C-alpha atoms as a PDB file:
ATOM      1  CA  PRO A   1      15.368  47.954  25.893  1.00  0.00           C
ATOM      2  CA  GLY A   2      19.181  49.008  27.244  1.00  0.00           C
ATOM      3  CA  SER A   3      19.982  45.924  28.444  1.00  0.00           C
ATOM      4  CA  ASN A   4      22.704  43.699  27.017  1.00  0.00           C
ATOM      5  CA  GLY A   5      20.992  39.872  27.628  1.00  0.00           C
ATOM      6  CA  HIS A   6      20.034  40.146  23.396  1.00  0.00           C
ATOM      7  CA  THR A   7      23.757  40.181  23.082  1.00  0.00           C
ATOM      8  CA  HIS A   8      24.207  37.711  25.349  1.00  0.00           C
ATOM      9  CA  ALA A   9      21.699  35.142  23.801  1.00  0.00           C
ATOM     10  CA  ALA A  10      23.136  35.222  20.615  1.00  0.00           C
ATOM     11  CA  GLU A  11      26.485  34.403  22.196  1.00  0.00           C
ATOM     12  CA  SER A  12      24.784  31.522  23.806  1.00  0.00           C
ATOM     13  CA  LEU A  13      23.850  30.353  20.482  1.00  0.00           C
ATOM     14  CA  PHE A  14      27.156  30.816  18.762  1.00  0.00           C
ATOM     15  CA  LYS A  15      28.127  28.466  21.538  1.00  0.00           C
ATOM     16  CA  MET A  16      25.833  26.232  21.387  1.00  0.00           C
ATOM     17  CA  ALA A  17      25.945  25.889  17.530  1.00  0.00           C
ATOM     18  CA  GLU A  18      22.388  26.961  17.577  1.00  0.00           C
ATOM     19  CA  VAL A  19      19.769  29.161  15.903  1.00  0.00           C
ATOM     20  CA  ALA A  20      16.487  27.013  15.186  1.00  0.00           C
ATOM     21  CA  ASN A  21      14.823  28.863  12.435  1.00  0.00           C
ATOM     22  CA  GLY A  22      17.185  32.474  13.260  1.00  0.00           C
ATOM     23  CA  LYS A  23      14.764  34.783  12.291  1.00  0.00           C
ATOM     24  CA  LYS A  24      15.624  37.245  15.042  1.00  0.00           C
ATOM     25  CA  LEU A  25      19.479  36.838  15.246  1.00  0.00           C
ATOM     26  CA  ARG A  26      18.845  37.619  11.268  1.00  0.00           C
ATOM     27  CA  ALA A  27      16.730  40.290  12.082  1.00  0.00           C
ATOM     28  CA  ALA A  28      20.007  41.472  14.667  1.00  0.00           C
ATOM     29  CA  LEU A  29      21.927  40.760  12.099  1.00  0.00           C
ATOM     30  CA  GLY A  30      20.314  43.790  10.019  1.00  0.00           C
ATOM     31  CA  GLN A  31      20.057  46.140  12.456  1.00  0.00           C
ATOM     32  CA  ASP A  32      22.952  48.658  13.235  1.00  0.00           C
ATOM     33  CA  ALA A  33      21.916  50.323  16.464  1.00  0.00           C
ATOM     34  CA  ASP A  34      23.947  47.966  18.775  1.00  0.00           C
ATOM     35  CA  GLN A  35      26.307  46.628  17.417  1.00  0.00           C
ATOM     36  CA  LYS A  36      27.593  44.059  19.862  1.00  0.00           C
ATOM     37  CA  LEU A  37      24.839  41.849  19.226  1.00  0.00           C
ATOM     38  CA  LYS A  38      25.310  42.423  15.882  1.00  0.00           C
ATOM     39  CA  LEU A  39      28.337  41.291  16.035  1.00  0.00           C
ATOM     40  CA  MET A  40      27.513  38.300  17.938  1.00  0.00           C
ATOM     41  CA  ALA A  41      24.262  37.148  16.056  1.00  0.00           C
ATOM     42  CA  ALA A  42      26.898  37.170  13.246  1.00  0.00           C
ATOM     43  CA  ALA A  43      28.992  34.391  14.988  1.00  0.00           C
ATOM     44  CA  ALA A  44      25.943  32.394  16.007  1.00  0.00           C
ATOM     45  CA  LEU A  45      25.094  32.144  11.704  1.00  0.00           C
ATOM     46  CA  ASP A  46      27.665  31.886  10.471  1.00  0.00           C
ATOM     47  CA  ARG A  47      28.849  29.068  12.621  1.00  0.00           C
ATOM     48  CA  CYS A  48      25.344  27.103  11.158  1.00  0.00           C
ATOM     49  CA  GLY A  49      25.890  28.167   7.925  1.00  0.00           C
ATOM     50  CA  HIS A  50      25.117  31.487   6.989  1.00  0.00           C
ATOM     51  CA  PRO A  51      26.826  32.024   4.442  1.00  0.00           C
ATOM     52  CA  THR A  52      27.692  35.851   4.626  1.00  0.00           C
ATOM     53  CA  ALA A  53      26.983  36.534   8.037  1.00  0.00           C
ATOM     54  CA  LEU A  54      30.975  37.644   8.339  1.00  0.00           C
ATOM     55  CA  ASP A  55      30.846  40.251   6.586  1.00  0.00           C
ATOM     56  CA  PRO A  56      29.594  42.881   9.089  1.00  0.00           C
ATOM     57  CA  VAL A  57      31.644  41.574  11.616  1.00  0.00           C
ATOM     58  CA  ARG A  58      35.290  41.469   9.474  1.00  0.00           C
ATOM     59  CA  LYS A  59      34.303  45.433   8.331  1.00  0.00           C
ATOM     60  CA  ARG A  60      34.574  45.963  12.320  1.00  0.00           C
ATOM     61  CA  LEU A  61      37.754  45.411  12.143  1.00  0.00           C
ATOM     62  CA  ALA A  62      38.383  48.976  11.160  1.00  0.00           C
ATOM     63  CA  ASP A  63      35.515  50.680  13.989  1.00  0.00           C
ATOM     64  CA  PRO A  64      36.912  53.315  15.369  1.00  0.00           C
ATOM     65  CA  ASP A  65      35.150  51.732  18.409  1.00  0.00           C
ATOM     66  CA  ARG A  66      37.856  49.577  20.295  1.00  0.00           C
ATOM     67  CA  GLU A  67      34.905  47.138  22.058  1.00  0.00           C
ATOM     68  CA  ASN A  68      33.467  46.150  18.730  1.00  0.00           C
ATOM     69  CA  ARG A  69      37.393  45.557  17.342  1.00  0.00           C
ATOM     70  CA  LYS A  70      37.770  43.427  19.487  1.00  0.00           C
ATOM     71  CA  ILE A  71      34.583  41.654  19.189  1.00  0.00           C
ATOM     72  CA  ALA A  72      35.311  41.237  15.743  1.00  0.00           C
ATOM     73  CA  ALA A  73      38.910  40.322  16.569  1.00  0.00           C
ATOM     74  CA  TRP A  74      37.341  37.255  18.900  1.00  0.00           C
ATOM     75  CA  VAL A  75      34.541  36.234  16.215  1.00  0.00           C
ATOM     76  CA  LEU A  76      37.107  36.083  13.465  1.00  0.00           C
ATOM     77  CA  GLY A  77      39.503  34.255  15.612  1.00  0.00           C
ATOM     78  CA  GLN A  78      36.637  31.597  16.492  1.00  0.00           C
ATOM     79  CA  VAL A  79      34.847  30.893  13.527  1.00  0.00           C
ATOM     80  CA  GLY A  80      36.832  32.845  10.844  1.00  0.00           C
ATOM     81  CA  ASP A  81      39.677  31.597   8.541  1.00  0.00           C
ATOM     82  CA  LYS A  82      43.026  32.512   7.426  1.00  0.00           C
ATOM     83  CA  ALA A  83      41.908  34.979   5.335  1.00  0.00           C
ATOM     84  CA  ASP A  84      41.292  37.280   8.292  1.00  0.00           C
ATOM     85  CA  ALA A  85      44.640  37.013   9.656  1.00  0.00           C
ATOM     86  CA  LYS A  86      46.279  39.611   7.660  1.00  0.00           C
ATOM     87  CA  ALA A  87      43.321  42.582   8.861  1.00  0.00           C
ATOM     88  CA  ILE A  88      43.035  41.103  12.353  1.00  0.00           C
ATOM     89  CA  ALA A  89      47.318  42.295  12.514  1.00  0.00           C
ATOM     90  CA  ALA A  90      46.601  45.256  10.815  1.00  0.00           C
ATOM     91  CA  ALA A  91      43.764  46.299  13.341  1.00  0.00           C
ATOM     92  CA  PHE A  92      45.758  45.959  16.006  1.00  0.00           C
ATOM     93  CA  GLU A  93      49.214  46.683  15.308  1.00  0.00           C
ATOM     94  CA  LYS A  94      49.190  50.064  16.457  1.00  0.00           C
ATOM     95  CA  GLU A  95      46.807  49.430  19.522  1.00  0.00           C
ATOM     96  CA  THR A  96      48.241  51.126  22.904  1.00  0.00           C
ATOM     97  CA  ASP A  97      45.755  49.252  24.808  1.00  0.00           C
ATOM     98  CA  PRO A  98      47.033  45.955  26.460  1.00  0.00           C
ATOM     99  CA  LEU A  99      43.979  44.201  26.935  1.00  0.00           C
ATOM    100  CA  ALA A 100      42.366  45.212  22.855  1.00  0.00           C
ATOM    101  CA  LYS A 101      46.140  44.507  21.831  1.00  0.00           C
ATOM    102  CA  ALA A 102      45.108  40.658  23.320  1.00  0.00           C
ATOM    103  CA  TYR A 103      42.043  39.978  21.442  1.00  0.00           C
ATOM    104  CA  GLY A 104      44.079  40.875  18.382  1.00  0.00           C
ATOM    105  CA  VAL A 105      46.832  38.391  19.185  1.00  0.00           C
ATOM    106  CA  ASN A 106      44.601  35.726  20.757  1.00  0.00           C
ATOM    107  CA  ALA A 107      42.782  36.353  17.592  1.00  0.00           C
ATOM    108  CA  LEU A 108      45.598  34.932  15.516  1.00  0.00           C
ATOM    109  CA  ALA A 109      46.083  32.536  17.695  1.00  0.00           C
END
């Protein structure tokens, strides 16, 4: 509790394209208390074939929290598809923070 270790573990599983039985990742995807964990669990599950894992990621592009938008863009830049480009561009169109803007540009690349 209070650690970002679970988020880092989910990100590592995404990078390794490994989810084992996916039980804990599906639980992380189903919770709303830790959005970063949810986003990284979604990325890992999507990479391993979960059919709707990216739905909550796409919703986070409209999140008022800049960090959640950045992570959502990063995830979609990695495993999203062409259809996500318009939403990513719109999410960062009026962004003033240079780092956040870079996340949007890199996701589109």
